[in-house]
Amino acid sequence: MFTGGAGAHSFTVFPLRVVYLTEPELKSQASVLISVSKRYFKHAVDRNRVKRQIREAYRLNKHILLEMLAIRNEKMAVSFIYLTDELMPTDFIEKRMKMALEKMVEKLTIEHPNTVAHEKSVV
């Protein structure tokens, strides 16, 4: 996913960098990795706090991505990388997570425009 291989895509919604790859071999619909650099947060308690915030933001908004993956019958590996050395409020991270997931769904529908027509006929 990180080597820039075929099918890997990435974008940034500050303070998150999102790298994703469709992977049909996965057991679950979406496999998530969360990374917070030791370079930015020397204390594990701070890294763990940020990871908890990101996990909770994903948990509350994952339906945005999972609905699209279910419609398309795809599985995906997703990585969220925290890019800054500042602690952010939880609501800010949640808003940015929602933006990131919506952007990911938008990019998926642009890549496969025939799925959009299918979605409209189902809804």
PDB file of N, CA and C in Angstrom:
ATOM      1  N   MET A   1       0.826  -1.182   0.000  1.00  0.00           N
ATOM      2  CA  MET A   1       0.000   0.000   0.000  1.00  0.00           C
ATOM      3  C   MET A   1       0.876   1.254   0.000  1.00  0.00           C
ATOM      4  N   PHE A   2       1.979   1.234   0.729  1.00  0.00           N
ATOM      5  CA  PHE A   2       2.804   2.434   0.855  1.00  0.00           C
ATOM      6  C   PHE A   2       3.905   2.529  -0.197  1.00  0.00           C
ATOM      7  N   THR A   3       4.121   1.484  -0.953  1.00  0.00           N
ATOM      8  CA  THR A   3       5.188   1.510  -1.950  1.00  0.00           C
ATOM      9  C   THR A   3       4.763   2.223  -3.220  1.00  0.00           C
ATOM     10  N   GLY A   4       3.515   2.663  -3.280  1.00  0.00           N
ATOM     11  CA  GLY A   4       3.042   3.362  -4.474  1.00  0.00           C
ATOM     12  C   GLY A   4       2.682   2.402  -5.579  1.00  0.00           C
ATOM     13  N   GLY A   5       2.363   1.168  -5.220  1.00  0.00           N
ATOM     14  CA  GLY A   5       2.004   0.155  -6.196  1.00  0.00           C
ATOM     15  C   GLY A   5       0.711   0.489  -6.906  1.00  0.00           C
ATOM     16  N   ALA A   6       0.394  -0.326  -7.876  1.00  0.00           N
ATOM     17  CA  ALA A   6      -0.816  -0.110  -8.667  1.00  0.00           C
ATOM     18  C   ALA A   6      -2.052  -0.184  -7.782  1.00  0.00           C
ATOM     19  N   GLY A   7      -2.916   0.792  -7.925  1.00  0.00           N
ATOM     20  CA  GLY A   7      -4.168   0.785  -7.192  1.00  0.00           C
ATOM     21  C   GLY A   7      -4.142   1.543  -5.881  1.00  0.00           C
ATOM     22  N   ALA A   8      -2.968   1.922  -5.378  1.00  0.00           N
ATOM     23  CA  ALA A   8      -2.891   2.663  -4.118  1.00  0.00           C
ATOM     24  C   ALA A   8      -3.138   4.149  -4.393  1.00  0.00           C
ATOM     25  N   HIS A   9      -3.985   4.743  -3.583  1.00  0.00           N
ATOM     26  CA  HIS A   9      -4.312   6.163  -3.730  1.00  0.00           C
ATOM     27  C   HIS A   9      -4.117   6.855  -2.389  1.00  0.00           C
ATOM     28  N   SER A  10      -3.826   8.150  -2.431  1.00  0.00           N
ATOM     29  CA  SER A  10      -3.700   8.890  -1.179  1.00  0.00           C
ATOM     30  C   SER A  10      -4.128  10.337  -1.384  1.00  0.00           C
ATOM     31  N   PHE A  11      -4.525  10.939  -0.280  1.00  0.00           N
ATOM     32  CA  PHE A  11      -4.863  12.360  -0.248  1.00  0.00           C
ATOM     33  C   PHE A  11      -4.740  12.825   1.190  1.00  0.00           C
ATOM     34  N   THR A  12      -4.777  14.137   1.379  1.00  0.00           N
ATOM     35  CA  THR A  12      -4.629  14.714   2.708  1.00  0.00           C
ATOM     36  C   THR A  12      -5.827  15.587   3.048  1.00  0.00           C
ATOM     37  N   VAL A  13      -6.349  15.375   4.236  1.00  0.00           N
ATOM     38  CA  VAL A  13      -7.342  16.255   4.850  1.00  0.00           C
ATOM     39  C   VAL A  13      -6.742  16.566   6.217  1.00  0.00           C
ATOM     40  N   PHE A  14      -6.080  17.709   6.308  1.00  0.00           N
ATOM     41  CA  PHE A  14      -5.308  18.018   7.509  1.00  0.00           C
ATOM     42  C   PHE A  14      -6.145  17.843   8.765  1.00  0.00           C
ATOM     43  N   PRO A  15      -5.663  17.170   9.755  1.00  0.00           N
ATOM     44  CA  PRO A  15      -4.334  16.635  10.038  1.00  0.00           C
ATOM     45  C   PRO A  15      -4.147  15.165   9.658  1.00  0.00           C
ATOM     46  N   LEU A  16      -4.963  14.643   8.737  1.00  0.00           N
ATOM     47  CA  LEU A  16      -4.868  13.234   8.363  1.00  0.00           C
ATOM     48  C   LEU A  16      -4.399  13.063   6.932  1.00  0.00           C
ATOM     49  N   ARG A  17      -3.518  12.094   6.726  1.00  0.00           N
ATOM     50  CA  ARG A  17      -3.185  11.641   5.382  1.00  0.00           C
ATOM     51  C   ARG A  17      -3.850  10.284   5.241  1.00  0.00           C
ATOM     52  N   VAL A  18      -4.584  10.098   4.165  1.00  0.00           N
ATOM     53  CA  VAL A  18      -5.323   8.866   3.943  1.00  0.00           C
ATOM     54  C   VAL A  18      -4.702   8.137   2.764  1.00  0.00           C
ATOM     55  N   VAL A  19      -4.339   6.874   2.980  1.00  0.00           N
ATOM     56  CA  VAL A  19      -3.833   6.012   1.913  1.00  0.00           C
ATOM     57  C   VAL A  19      -4.776   4.822   1.857  1.00  0.00           C
ATOM     58  N   TYR A  20      -5.285   4.510   0.655  1.00  0.00           N
ATOM     59  CA  TYR A  20      -6.228   3.396   0.561  1.00  0.00           C
ATOM     60  C   TYR A  20      -5.959   2.567  -0.688  1.00  0.00           C
ATOM     61  N   LEU A  21      -6.381   1.314  -0.604  1.00  0.00           N
ATOM     62  CA  LEU A  21      -6.142   0.347  -1.661  1.00  0.00           C
ATOM     63  C   LEU A  21      -7.274  -0.667  -1.643  1.00  0.00           C
ATOM     64  N   THR A  22      -7.894  -0.909  -2.793  1.00  0.00           N
ATOM     65  CA  THR A  22      -8.893  -1.964  -2.852  1.00  0.00           C
ATOM     66  C   THR A  22      -8.172  -3.299  -2.857  1.00  0.00           C
ATOM     67  N   GLU A  23      -8.612  -4.176  -1.969  1.00  0.00           N
ATOM     68  CA  GLU A  23      -7.940  -5.459  -1.767  1.00  0.00           C
ATOM     69  C   GLU A  23      -9.002  -6.557  -1.644  1.00  0.00           C
ATOM     70  N   PRO A  24      -9.250  -7.323  -2.712  1.00  0.00           N
ATOM     71  CA  PRO A  24     -10.309  -8.329  -2.680  1.00  0.00           C
ATOM     72  C   PRO A  24     -10.026  -9.506  -1.738  1.00  0.00           C
ATOM     73  N   GLU A  25      -8.788  -9.684  -1.300  1.00  0.00           N
ATOM     74  CA  GLU A  25      -8.403 -10.814  -0.454  1.00  0.00           C
ATOM     75  C   GLU A  25      -8.746 -10.615   1.027  1.00  0.00           C
ATOM     76  N   LEU A  26      -9.137  -9.426   1.431  1.00  0.00           N
ATOM     77  CA  LEU A  26      -9.404  -9.145   2.844  1.00  0.00           C
ATOM     78  C   LEU A  26     -10.621  -9.905   3.352  1.00  0.00           C
ATOM     79  N   LYS A  27     -10.618 -10.190   4.650  1.00  0.00           N
ATOM     80  CA  LYS A  27     -11.755 -10.881   5.267  1.00  0.00           C
ATOM     81  C   LYS A  27     -12.887  -9.907   5.564  1.00  0.00           C
ATOM     82  N   SER A  28     -12.561  -8.699   6.029  1.00  0.00           N
ATOM     83  CA  SER A  28     -13.596  -7.718   6.359  1.00  0.00           C
ATOM     84  C   SER A  28     -13.738  -6.707   5.224  1.00  0.00           C
ATOM     85  N   GLN A  29     -14.814  -5.940   5.280  1.00  0.00           N
ATOM     86  CA  GLN A  29     -15.068  -4.961   4.231  1.00  0.00           C
ATOM     87  C   GLN A  29     -14.011  -3.871   4.195  1.00  0.00           C
ATOM     88  N   ALA A  30     -13.598  -3.405   5.363  1.00  0.00           N
ATOM     89  CA  ALA A  30     -12.585  -2.353   5.431  1.00  0.00           C
ATOM     90  C   ALA A  30     -11.619  -2.674   6.558  1.00  0.00           C
ATOM     91  N   SER A  31     -10.351  -2.702   6.226  1.00  0.00           N
ATOM     92  CA  SER A  31      -9.294  -2.921   7.214  1.00  0.00           C
ATOM     93  C   SER A  31      -8.602  -1.573   7.435  1.00  0.00           C
ATOM     94  N   VAL A  32      -8.478  -1.161   8.698  1.00  0.00           N
ATOM     95  CA  VAL A  32      -7.997   0.187   8.998  1.00  0.00           C
ATOM     96  C   VAL A  32      -6.704   0.135   9.797  1.00  0.00           C
ATOM     97  N   LEU A  33      -5.761   0.992   9.424  1.00  0.00           N
ATOM     98  CA  LEU A  33      -4.508   1.169  10.149  1.00  0.00           C
ATOM     99  C   LEU A  33      -4.436   2.632  10.573  1.00  0.00           C
ATOM    100  N   ILE A  34      -4.052   2.869  11.821  1.00  0.00           N
ATOM    101  CA  ILE A  34      -3.914   4.235  12.331  1.00  0.00           C
ATOM    102  C   ILE A  34      -2.485   4.416  12.792  1.00  0.00           C
ATOM    103  N   SER A  35      -1.844   5.483  12.303  1.00  0.00           N
ATOM    104  CA  SER A  35      -0.444   5.714  12.618  1.00  0.00           C
ATOM    105  C   SER A  35      -0.236   7.123  13.160  1.00  0.00           C
ATOM    106  N   VAL A  36       0.454   7.191  14.307  1.00  0.00           N
ATOM    107  CA  VAL A  36       0.834   8.469  14.902  1.00  0.00           C
ATOM    108  C   VAL A  36       2.328   8.382  15.176  1.00  0.00           C
ATOM    109  N   SER A  37       3.085   9.304  14.622  1.00  0.00           N
ATOM    110  CA  SER A  37       4.539   9.222  14.657  1.00  0.00           C
ATOM    111  C   SER A  37       5.138   9.489  16.033  1.00  0.00           C
ATOM    112  N   LYS A  38       6.102   8.672  16.383  1.00  0.00           N
ATOM    113  CA  LYS A  38       6.859   8.865  17.621  1.00  0.00           C
ATOM    114  C   LYS A  38       7.734  10.120  17.517  1.00  0.00           C
ATOM    115  N   ARG A  39       8.021  10.512  16.293  1.00  0.00           N
ATOM    116  CA  ARG A  39       8.814  11.720  16.079  1.00  0.00           C
ATOM    117  C   ARG A  39       8.069  12.960  16.573  1.00  0.00           C
ATOM    118  N   TYR A  40       6.748  12.964  16.393  1.00  0.00           N
ATOM    119  CA  TYR A  40       5.946  14.111  16.808  1.00  0.00           C
ATOM    120  C   TYR A  40       5.524  14.052  18.271  1.00  0.00           C
ATOM    121  N   PHE A  41       5.226  12.855  18.759  1.00  0.00           N
ATOM    122  CA  PHE A  41       4.777  12.683  20.140  1.00  0.00           C
ATOM    123  C   PHE A  41       5.706  11.701  20.844  1.00  0.00           C
ATOM    124  N   LYS A  42       6.599  12.215  21.645  1.00  0.00           N
ATOM    125  CA  LYS A  42       7.590  11.378  22.335  1.00  0.00           C
ATOM    126  C   LYS A  42       6.958  10.485  23.393  1.00  0.00           C
ATOM    127  N   HIS A  43       5.886  10.956  24.010  1.00  0.00           N
ATOM    128  CA  HIS A  43       5.239  10.199  25.075  1.00  0.00           C
ATOM    129  C   HIS A  43       4.126   9.317  24.516  1.00  0.00           C
ATOM    130  N   ALA A  44       4.143   8.055  24.913  1.00  0.00           N
ATOM    131  CA  ALA A  44       3.148   7.104  24.422  1.00  0.00           C
ATOM    132  C   ALA A  44       1.725   7.534  24.789  1.00  0.00           C
ATOM    133  N   VAL A  45       1.567   8.174  25.924  1.00  0.00           N
ATOM    134  CA  VAL A  45       0.238   8.599  26.345  1.00  0.00           C
ATOM    135  C   VAL A  45      -0.366   9.580  25.335  1.00  0.00           C
ATOM    136  N   ASP A  46       0.461  10.448  24.756  1.00  0.00           N
ATOM    137  CA  ASP A  46      -0.027  11.400  23.749  1.00  0.00           C
ATOM    138  C   ASP A  46      -0.353  10.687  22.434  1.00  0.00           C
ATOM    139  N   ARG A  47       0.509   9.766  22.007  1.00  0.00           N
ATOM    140  CA  ARG A  47       0.239   9.000  20.785  1.00  0.00           C
ATOM    141  C   ARG A  47      -1.042   8.196  20.928  1.00  0.00           C
ATOM    142  N   ASN A  48      -1.208   7.574  22.081  1.00  0.00           N
ATOM    143  CA  ASN A  48      -2.400   6.756  22.302  1.00  0.00           C
ATOM    144  C   ASN A  48      -3.667   7.603  22.330  1.00  0.00           C
ATOM    145  N   ARG A  49      -3.570   8.822  22.866  1.00  0.00           N
ATOM    146  CA  ARG A  49      -4.731   9.722  22.886  1.00  0.00           C
ATOM    147  C   ARG A  49      -5.174  10.044  21.464  1.00  0.00           C
ATOM    148  N   VAL A  50      -4.198  10.391  20.610  1.00  0.00           N
ATOM    149  CA  VAL A  50      -4.529  10.745  19.227  1.00  0.00           C
ATOM    150  C   VAL A  50      -5.106   9.530  18.502  1.00  0.00           C
ATOM    151  N   LYS A  51      -4.530   8.357  18.710  1.00  0.00           N
ATOM    152  CA  LYS A  51      -5.051   7.147  18.071  1.00  0.00           C
ATOM    153  C   LYS A  51      -6.477   6.852  18.538  1.00  0.00           C
ATOM    154  N   ARG A  52      -6.750   7.071  19.826  1.00  0.00           N
ATOM    155  CA  ARG A  52      -8.107   6.880  20.345  1.00  0.00           C
ATOM    156  C   ARG A  52      -9.083   7.841  19.679  1.00  0.00           C
ATOM    157  N   GLN A  53      -8.673   9.093  19.522  1.00  0.00           N
ATOM    158  CA  GLN A  53      -9.529  10.094  18.878  1.00  0.00           C
ATOM    159  C   GLN A  53      -9.835   9.692  17.428  1.00  0.00           C
ATOM    160  N   ILE A  54      -8.810   9.235  16.715  1.00  0.00           N
ATOM    161  CA  ILE A  54      -8.993   8.845  15.315  1.00  0.00           C
ATOM    162  C   ILE A  54      -9.889   7.613  15.219  1.00  0.00           C
ATOM    163  N   ARG A  55      -9.657   6.624  16.078  1.00  0.00           N
ATOM    164  CA  ARG A  55     -10.493   5.413  16.075  1.00  0.00           C
ATOM    165  C   ARG A  55     -11.958   5.749  16.341  1.00  0.00           C
ATOM    166  N   GLU A  56     -12.202   6.623  17.305  1.00  0.00           N
ATOM    167  CA  GLU A  56     -13.574   7.000  17.630  1.00  0.00           C
ATOM    168  C   GLU A  56     -14.212   7.771  16.477  1.00  0.00           C
ATOM    169  N   ALA A  57     -13.468   8.671  15.854  1.00  0.00           N
ATOM    170  CA  ALA A  57     -13.994   9.421  14.718  1.00  0.00           C
ATOM    171  C   ALA A  57     -14.339   8.471  13.573  1.00  0.00           C
ATOM    172  N   TYR A  58     -13.495   7.467  13.334  1.00  0.00           N
ATOM    173  CA  TYR A  58     -13.772   6.485  12.285  1.00  0.00           C
ATOM    174  C   TYR A  58     -15.008   5.659  12.657  1.00  0.00           C
ATOM    175  N   ARG A  59     -15.086   5.214  13.898  1.00  0.00           N
ATOM    176  CA  ARG A  59     -16.212   4.394  14.354  1.00  0.00           C
ATOM    177  C   ARG A  59     -17.549   5.103  14.140  1.00  0.00           C
ATOM    178  N   LEU A  60     -17.581   6.399  14.431  1.00  0.00           N
ATOM    179  CA  LEU A  60     -18.822   7.161  14.312  1.00  0.00           C
ATOM    180  C   LEU A  60     -19.215   7.444  12.865  1.00  0.00           C
ATOM    181  N   ASN A  61     -18.251   7.424  11.939  1.00  0.00           N
ATOM    182  CA  ASN A  61     -18.530   7.823  10.564  1.00  0.00           C
ATOM    183  C   ASN A  61     -18.242   6.749   9.520  1.00  0.00           C
ATOM    184  N   LYS A  62     -17.876   5.553   9.930  1.00  0.00           N
ATOM    185  CA  LYS A  62     -17.480   4.514   8.979  1.00  0.00           C
ATOM    186  C   LYS A  62     -18.614   4.091   8.056  1.00  0.00           C
ATOM    187  N   HIS A  63     -19.853   4.318   8.468  1.00  0.00           N
ATOM    188  CA  HIS A  63     -20.989   3.945   7.632  1.00  0.00           C
ATOM    189  C   HIS A  63     -20.925   4.617   6.265  1.00  0.00           C
ATOM    190  N   ILE A  64     -20.326   5.799   6.188  1.00  0.00           N
ATOM    191  CA  ILE A  64     -20.188   6.518   4.921  1.00  0.00           C
ATOM    192  C   ILE A  64     -19.427   5.664   3.910  1.00  0.00           C
ATOM    193  N   LEU A  65     -18.336   5.085   4.351  1.00  0.00           N
ATOM    194  CA  LEU A  65     -17.495   4.248   3.485  1.00  0.00           C
ATOM    195  C   LEU A  65     -18.089   2.856   3.306  1.00  0.00           C
ATOM    196  N   LEU A  66     -18.553   2.249   4.384  1.00  0.00           N
ATOM    197  CA  LEU A  66     -19.018   0.867   4.323  1.00  0.00           C
ATOM    198  C   LEU A  66     -20.240   0.701   3.426  1.00  0.00           C
ATOM    199  N   GLU A  67     -21.117   1.697   3.388  1.00  0.00           N
ATOM    200  CA  GLU A  67     -22.283   1.619   2.497  1.00  0.00           C
ATOM    201  C   GLU A  67     -21.839   1.569   1.043  1.00  0.00           C
ATOM    202  N   MET A  68     -20.857   2.400   0.692  1.00  0.00           N
ATOM    203  CA  MET A  68     -20.353   2.416  -0.675  1.00  0.00           C
ATOM    204  C   MET A  68     -19.670   1.096  -1.026  1.00  0.00           C
ATOM    205  N   LEU A  69     -18.876   0.573  -0.100  1.00  0.00           N
ATOM    206  CA  LEU A  69     -18.195  -0.696  -0.352  1.00  0.00           C
ATOM    207  C   LEU A  69     -19.195  -1.841  -0.498  1.00  0.00           C
ATOM    208  N   ALA A  70     -20.272  -1.819   0.273  1.00  0.00           N
ATOM    209  CA  ALA A  70     -21.300  -2.858   0.174  1.00  0.00           C
ATOM    210  C   ALA A  70     -21.997  -2.798  -1.178  1.00  0.00           C
ATOM    211  N   ILE A  71     -22.313  -1.595  -1.644  1.00  0.00           N
ATOM    212  CA  ILE A  71     -22.967  -1.432  -2.950  1.00  0.00           C
ATOM    213  C   ILE A  71     -22.064  -1.954  -4.062  1.00  0.00           C
ATOM    214  N   ARG A  72     -20.786  -1.655  -3.953  1.00  0.00           N
ATOM    215  CA  ARG A  72     -19.831  -2.046  -4.994  1.00  0.00           C
ATOM    216  C   ARG A  72     -19.277  -3.449  -4.802  1.00  0.00           C
ATOM    217  N   ASN A  73     -19.579  -4.067  -3.665  1.00  0.00           N
ATOM    218  CA  ASN A  73     -19.081  -5.400  -3.340  1.00  0.00           C
ATOM    219  C   ASN A  73     -17.547  -5.432  -3.384  1.00  0.00           C
ATOM    220  N   GLU A  74     -16.926  -4.481  -2.718  1.00  0.00           N
ATOM    221  CA  GLU A  74     -15.470  -4.381  -2.672  1.00  0.00           C
ATOM    222  C   GLU A  74     -14.981  -4.406  -1.242  1.00  0.00           C
ATOM    223  N   LYS A  75     -13.678  -4.677  -1.086  1.00  0.00           N
ATOM    224  CA  LYS A  75     -13.017  -4.634   0.210  1.00  0.00           C
ATOM    225  C   LYS A  75     -11.828  -3.702   0.088  1.00  0.00           C
ATOM    226  N   MET A  76     -11.489  -3.034   1.188  1.00  0.00           N
ATOM    227  CA  MET A  76     -10.482  -1.983   1.102  1.00  0.00           C
ATOM    228  C   MET A  76      -9.601  -1.961   2.339  1.00  0.00           C
ATOM    229  N   ALA A  77      -8.322  -1.667   2.119  1.00  0.00           N
ATOM    230  CA  ALA A  77      -7.383  -1.410   3.199  1.00  0.00           C
ATOM    231  C   ALA A  77      -7.180   0.101   3.247  1.00  0.00           C
ATOM    232  N   VAL A  78      -7.353   0.685   4.437  1.00  0.00           N
ATOM    233  CA  VAL A  78      -7.269   2.137   4.597  1.00  0.00           C
ATOM    234  C   VAL A  78      -6.285   2.454   5.715  1.00  0.00           C
ATOM    235  N   SER A  79      -5.467   3.468   5.490  1.00  0.00           N
ATOM    236  CA  SER A  79      -4.518   3.919   6.504  1.00  0.00           C
ATOM    237  C   SER A  79      -4.755   5.396   6.792  1.00  0.00           C
ATOM    238  N   PHE A  80      -4.818   5.731   8.075  1.00  0.00           N
ATOM    239  CA  PHE A  80      -4.940   7.120   8.503  1.00  0.00           C
ATOM    240  C   PHE A  80      -3.646   7.488   9.222  1.00  0.00           C
ATOM    241  N   ILE A  81      -2.941   8.479   8.703  1.00  0.00           N
ATOM    242  CA  ILE A  81      -1.668   8.904   9.281  1.00  0.00           C
ATOM    243  C   ILE A  81      -1.836  10.324   9.811  1.00  0.00           C
ATOM    244  N   TYR A  82      -1.509  10.510  11.082  1.00  0.00           N
ATOM    245  CA  TYR A  82      -1.628  11.824  11.722  1.00  0.00           C
ATOM    246  C   TYR A  82      -0.396  12.639  11.363  1.00  0.00           C
ATOM    247  N   LEU A  83      -0.580  13.844  10.852  1.00  0.00           N
ATOM    248  CA  LEU A  83       0.510  14.602  10.246  1.00  0.00           C
ATOM    249  C   LEU A  83       1.125  15.717  11.085  1.00  0.00           C
ATOM    250  N   THR A  84       0.577  16.061  12.204  1.00  0.00           N
ATOM    251  CA  THR A  84       1.067  17.217  12.935  1.00  0.00           C
ATOM    252  C   THR A  84       1.546  16.828  14.328  1.00  0.00           C
ATOM    253  N   ASP A  85       2.277  17.735  14.957  1.00  0.00           N
ATOM    254  CA  ASP A  85       2.775  17.474  16.311  1.00  0.00           C
ATOM    255  C   ASP A  85       1.898  18.139  17.373  1.00  0.00           C
ATOM    256  N   GLU A  86       0.743  18.646  16.976  1.00  0.00           N
ATOM    257  CA  GLU A  86      -0.160  19.314  17.913  1.00  0.00           C
ATOM    258  C   GLU A  86      -1.337  18.411  18.245  1.00  0.00           C
ATOM    259  N   LEU A  87      -1.751  18.427  19.494  1.00  0.00           N
ATOM    260  CA  LEU A  87      -2.963  17.731  19.896  1.00  0.00           C
ATOM    261  C   LEU A  87      -4.161  18.553  19.435  1.00  0.00           C
ATOM    262  N   MET A  88      -5.121  17.901  18.818  1.00  0.00           N
ATOM    263  CA  MET A  88      -6.310  18.578  18.298  1.00  0.00           C
ATOM    264  C   MET A  88      -7.533  18.149  19.110  1.00  0.00           C
ATOM    265  N   PRO A  89      -8.550  19.011  19.172  1.00  0.00           N
ATOM    266  CA  PRO A  89      -9.796  18.620  19.846  1.00  0.00           C
ATOM    267  C   PRO A  89     -10.480  17.461  19.105  1.00  0.00           C
ATOM    268  N   THR A  90     -11.171  16.633  19.840  1.00  0.00           N
ATOM    269  CA  THR A  90     -11.819  15.460  19.271  1.00  0.00           C
ATOM    270  C   THR A  90     -12.839  15.832  18.201  1.00  0.00           C
ATOM    271  N   ASP A  91     -13.616  16.878  18.416  1.00  0.00           N
ATOM    272  CA  ASP A  91     -14.625  17.257  17.426  1.00  0.00           C
ATOM    273  C   ASP A  91     -13.993  17.713  16.119  1.00  0.00           C
ATOM    274  N   PHE A  92     -12.821  18.346  16.182  1.00  0.00           N
ATOM    275  CA  PHE A  92     -12.110  18.758  14.972  1.00  0.00           C
ATOM    276  C   PHE A  92     -11.662  17.525  14.188  1.00  0.00           C
ATOM    277  N   ILE A  93     -11.099  16.552  14.896  1.00  0.00           N
ATOM    278  CA  ILE A  93     -10.638  15.320  14.232  1.00  0.00           C
ATOM    279  C   ILE A  93     -11.828  14.588  13.629  1.00  0.00           C
ATOM    280  N   GLU A  94     -12.958  14.581  14.326  1.00  0.00           N
ATOM    281  CA  GLU A  94     -14.143  13.901  13.804  1.00  0.00           C
ATOM    282  C   GLU A  94     -14.647  14.571  12.525  1.00  0.00           C
ATOM    283  N   LYS A  95     -14.658  15.904  12.490  1.00  0.00           N
ATOM    284  CA  LYS A  95     -15.081  16.614  11.274  1.00  0.00           C
ATOM    285  C   LYS A  95     -14.162  16.288  10.113  1.00  0.00           C
ATOM    286  N   ARG A  96     -12.863  16.255  10.373  1.00  0.00           N
ATOM    287  CA  ARG A  96     -11.899  15.958   9.312  1.00  0.00           C
ATOM    288  C   ARG A  96     -11.988  14.502   8.853  1.00  0.00           C
ATOM    289  N   MET A  97     -12.285  13.597   9.769  1.00  0.00           N
ATOM    290  CA  MET A  97     -12.475  12.191   9.405  1.00  0.00           C
ATOM    291  C   MET A  97     -13.678  12.053   8.489  1.00  0.00           C
ATOM    292  N   LYS A  98     -14.745  12.747   8.830  1.00  0.00           N
ATOM    293  CA  LYS A  98     -15.950  12.702   7.998  1.00  0.00           C
ATOM    294  C   LYS A  98     -15.646  13.241   6.600  1.00  0.00           C
ATOM    295  N   MET A  99     -14.911  14.345   6.536  1.00  0.00           N
ATOM    296  CA  MET A  99     -14.517  14.903   5.248  1.00  0.00           C
ATOM    297  C   MET A  99     -13.671  13.906   4.460  1.00  0.00           C
ATOM    298  N   ALA A 100     -12.745  13.237   5.139  1.00  0.00           N
ATOM    299  CA  ALA A 100     -11.866  12.272   4.485  1.00  0.00           C
ATOM    300  C   ALA A 100     -12.655  11.096   3.921  1.00  0.00           C
ATOM    301  N   LEU A 101     -13.584  10.574   4.697  1.00  0.00           N
ATOM    302  CA  LEU A 101     -14.386   9.440   4.226  1.00  0.00           C
ATOM    303  C   LEU A 101     -15.278   9.841   3.049  1.00  0.00           C
ATOM    304  N   GLU A 102     -15.857  11.039   3.115  1.00  0.00           N
ATOM    305  CA  GLU A 102     -16.675  11.521   2.006  1.00  0.00           C
ATOM    306  C   GLU A 102     -15.838  11.714   0.750  1.00  0.00           C
ATOM    307  N   LYS A 103     -14.624  12.205   0.919  1.00  0.00           N
ATOM    308  CA  LYS A 103     -13.731  12.395  -0.220  1.00  0.00           C
ATOM    309  C   LYS A 103     -13.334  11.040  -0.816  1.00  0.00           C
ATOM    310  N   MET A 104     -13.115  10.049   0.030  1.00  0.00           N
ATOM    311  CA  MET A 104     -12.762   8.719  -0.449  1.00  0.00           C
ATOM    312  C   MET A 104     -13.914   8.126  -1.268  1.00  0.00           C
ATOM    313  N   VAL A 105     -15.141   8.269  -0.781  1.00  0.00           N
ATOM    314  CA  VAL A 105     -16.308   7.775  -1.509  1.00  0.00           C
ATOM    315  C   VAL A 105     -16.447   8.510  -2.842  1.00  0.00           C
ATOM    316  N   GLU A 106     -16.225   9.813  -2.823  1.00  0.00           N
ATOM    317  CA  GLU A 106     -16.297  10.610  -4.051  1.00  0.00           C
ATOM    318  C   GLU A 106     -15.276  10.125  -5.073  1.00  0.00           C
ATOM    319  N   LYS A 107     -14.048   9.873  -4.611  1.00  0.00           N
ATOM    320  CA  LYS A 107     -13.007   9.391  -5.522  1.00  0.00           C
ATOM    321  C   LYS A 107     -13.358   8.014  -6.080  1.00  0.00           C
ATOM    322  N   LEU A 108     -13.957   7.161  -5.264  1.00  0.00           N
ATOM    323  CA  LEU A 108     -14.358   5.836  -5.736  1.00  0.00           C
ATOM    324  C   LEU A 108     -15.447   5.928  -6.791  1.00  0.00           C
ATOM    325  N   THR A 109     -16.405   6.845  -6.619  1.00  0.00           N
ATOM    326  CA  THR A 109     -17.470   6.981  -7.606  1.00  0.00           C
ATOM    327  C   THR A 109     -16.951   7.605  -8.896  1.00  0.00           C
ATOM    328  N   ILE A 110     -15.935   8.450  -8.813  1.00  0.00           N
ATOM    329  CA  ILE A 110     -15.345   9.034 -10.019  1.00  0.00           C
ATOM    330  C   ILE A 110     -14.590   7.964 -10.798  1.00  0.00           C
ATOM    331  N   GLU A 111     -13.902   7.065 -10.091  1.00  0.00           N
ATOM    332  CA  GLU A 111     -13.149   5.994 -10.745  1.00  0.00           C
ATOM    333  C   GLU A 111     -14.069   5.032 -11.480  1.00  0.00           C
ATOM    334  N   HIS A 112     -15.252   4.783 -10.925  1.00  0.00           N
ATOM    335  CA  HIS A 112     -16.204   3.841 -11.513  1.00  0.00           C
ATOM    336  C   HIS A 112     -17.563   4.522 -11.638  1.00  0.00           C
ATOM    337  N   PRO A 113     -17.755   5.327 -12.678  1.00  0.00           N
ATOM    338  CA  PRO A 113     -18.990   6.107 -12.793  1.00  0.00           C
ATOM    339  C   PRO A 113     -20.243   5.257 -12.962  1.00  0.00           C
ATOM    340  N   ASN A 114     -20.137   4.033 -13.470  1.00  0.00           N
ATOM    341  CA  ASN A 114     -21.331   3.203 -13.645  1.00  0.00           C
ATOM    342  C   ASN A 114     -21.930   2.791 -12.311  1.00  0.00           C
ATOM    343  N   THR A 115     -21.155   2.826 -11.227  1.00  0.00           N
ATOM    344  CA  THR A 115     -21.661   2.515  -9.895  1.00  0.00           C
ATOM    345  C   THR A 115     -22.639   3.583  -9.433  1.00  0.00           C
ATOM    346  N   VAL A 116     -22.403   4.828  -9.813  1.00  0.00           N
ATOM    347  CA  VAL A 116     -23.284   5.925  -9.416  1.00  0.00           C
ATOM    348  C   VAL A 116     -24.682   5.698  -9.970  1.00  0.00           C
ATOM    349  N   ALA A 117     -24.780   5.266 -11.228  1.00  0.00           N
ATOM    350  CA  ALA A 117     -26.091   5.014 -11.837  1.00  0.00           C
ATOM    351  C   ALA A 117     -26.788   3.883 -11.092  1.00  0.00           C
ATOM    352  N   HIS A 118     -26.036   2.870 -10.679  1.00  0.00           N
ATOM    353  CA  HIS A 118     -26.597   1.753  -9.923  1.00  0.00           C
ATOM    354  C   HIS A 118     -27.122   2.216  -8.575  1.00  0.00           C
ATOM    355  N   GLU A 119     -26.352   3.090  -7.906  1.00  0.00           N
ATOM    356  CA  GLU A 119     -26.773   3.606  -6.602  1.00  0.00           C
ATOM    357  C   GLU A 119     -28.079   4.366  -6.712  1.00  0.00           C
ATOM    358  N   LYS A 120     -28.208   5.197  -7.738  1.00  0.00           N
ATOM    359  CA  LYS A 120     -29.407   6.006  -7.900  1.00  0.00           C
ATOM    360  C   LYS A 120     -30.620   5.122  -8.166  1.00  0.00           C
ATOM    361  N   SER A 121     -30.421   4.029  -8.893  1.00  0.00           N
ATOM    362  CA  SER A 121     -31.548   3.146  -9.168  1.00  0.00           C
ATOM    363  C   SER A 121     -31.945   2.347  -7.934  1.00  0.00           C
ATOM    364  N   VAL A 122     -30.970   2.044  -7.041  1.00  0.00           N
ATOM    365  CA  VAL A 122     -31.265   1.310  -5.810  1.00  0.00           C
ATOM    366  C   VAL A 122     -31.966   2.214  -4.817  1.00  0.00           C
ATOM    367  N   VAL A 123     -31.515   3.437  -4.687  1.00  0.00           N
ATOM    368  CA  VAL A 123     -32.074   4.386  -3.719  1.00  0.00           C
ATOM    369  C   VAL A 123     -33.342   4.913  -4.278  1.00  0.00           C
TER     370      VAL A 123
END
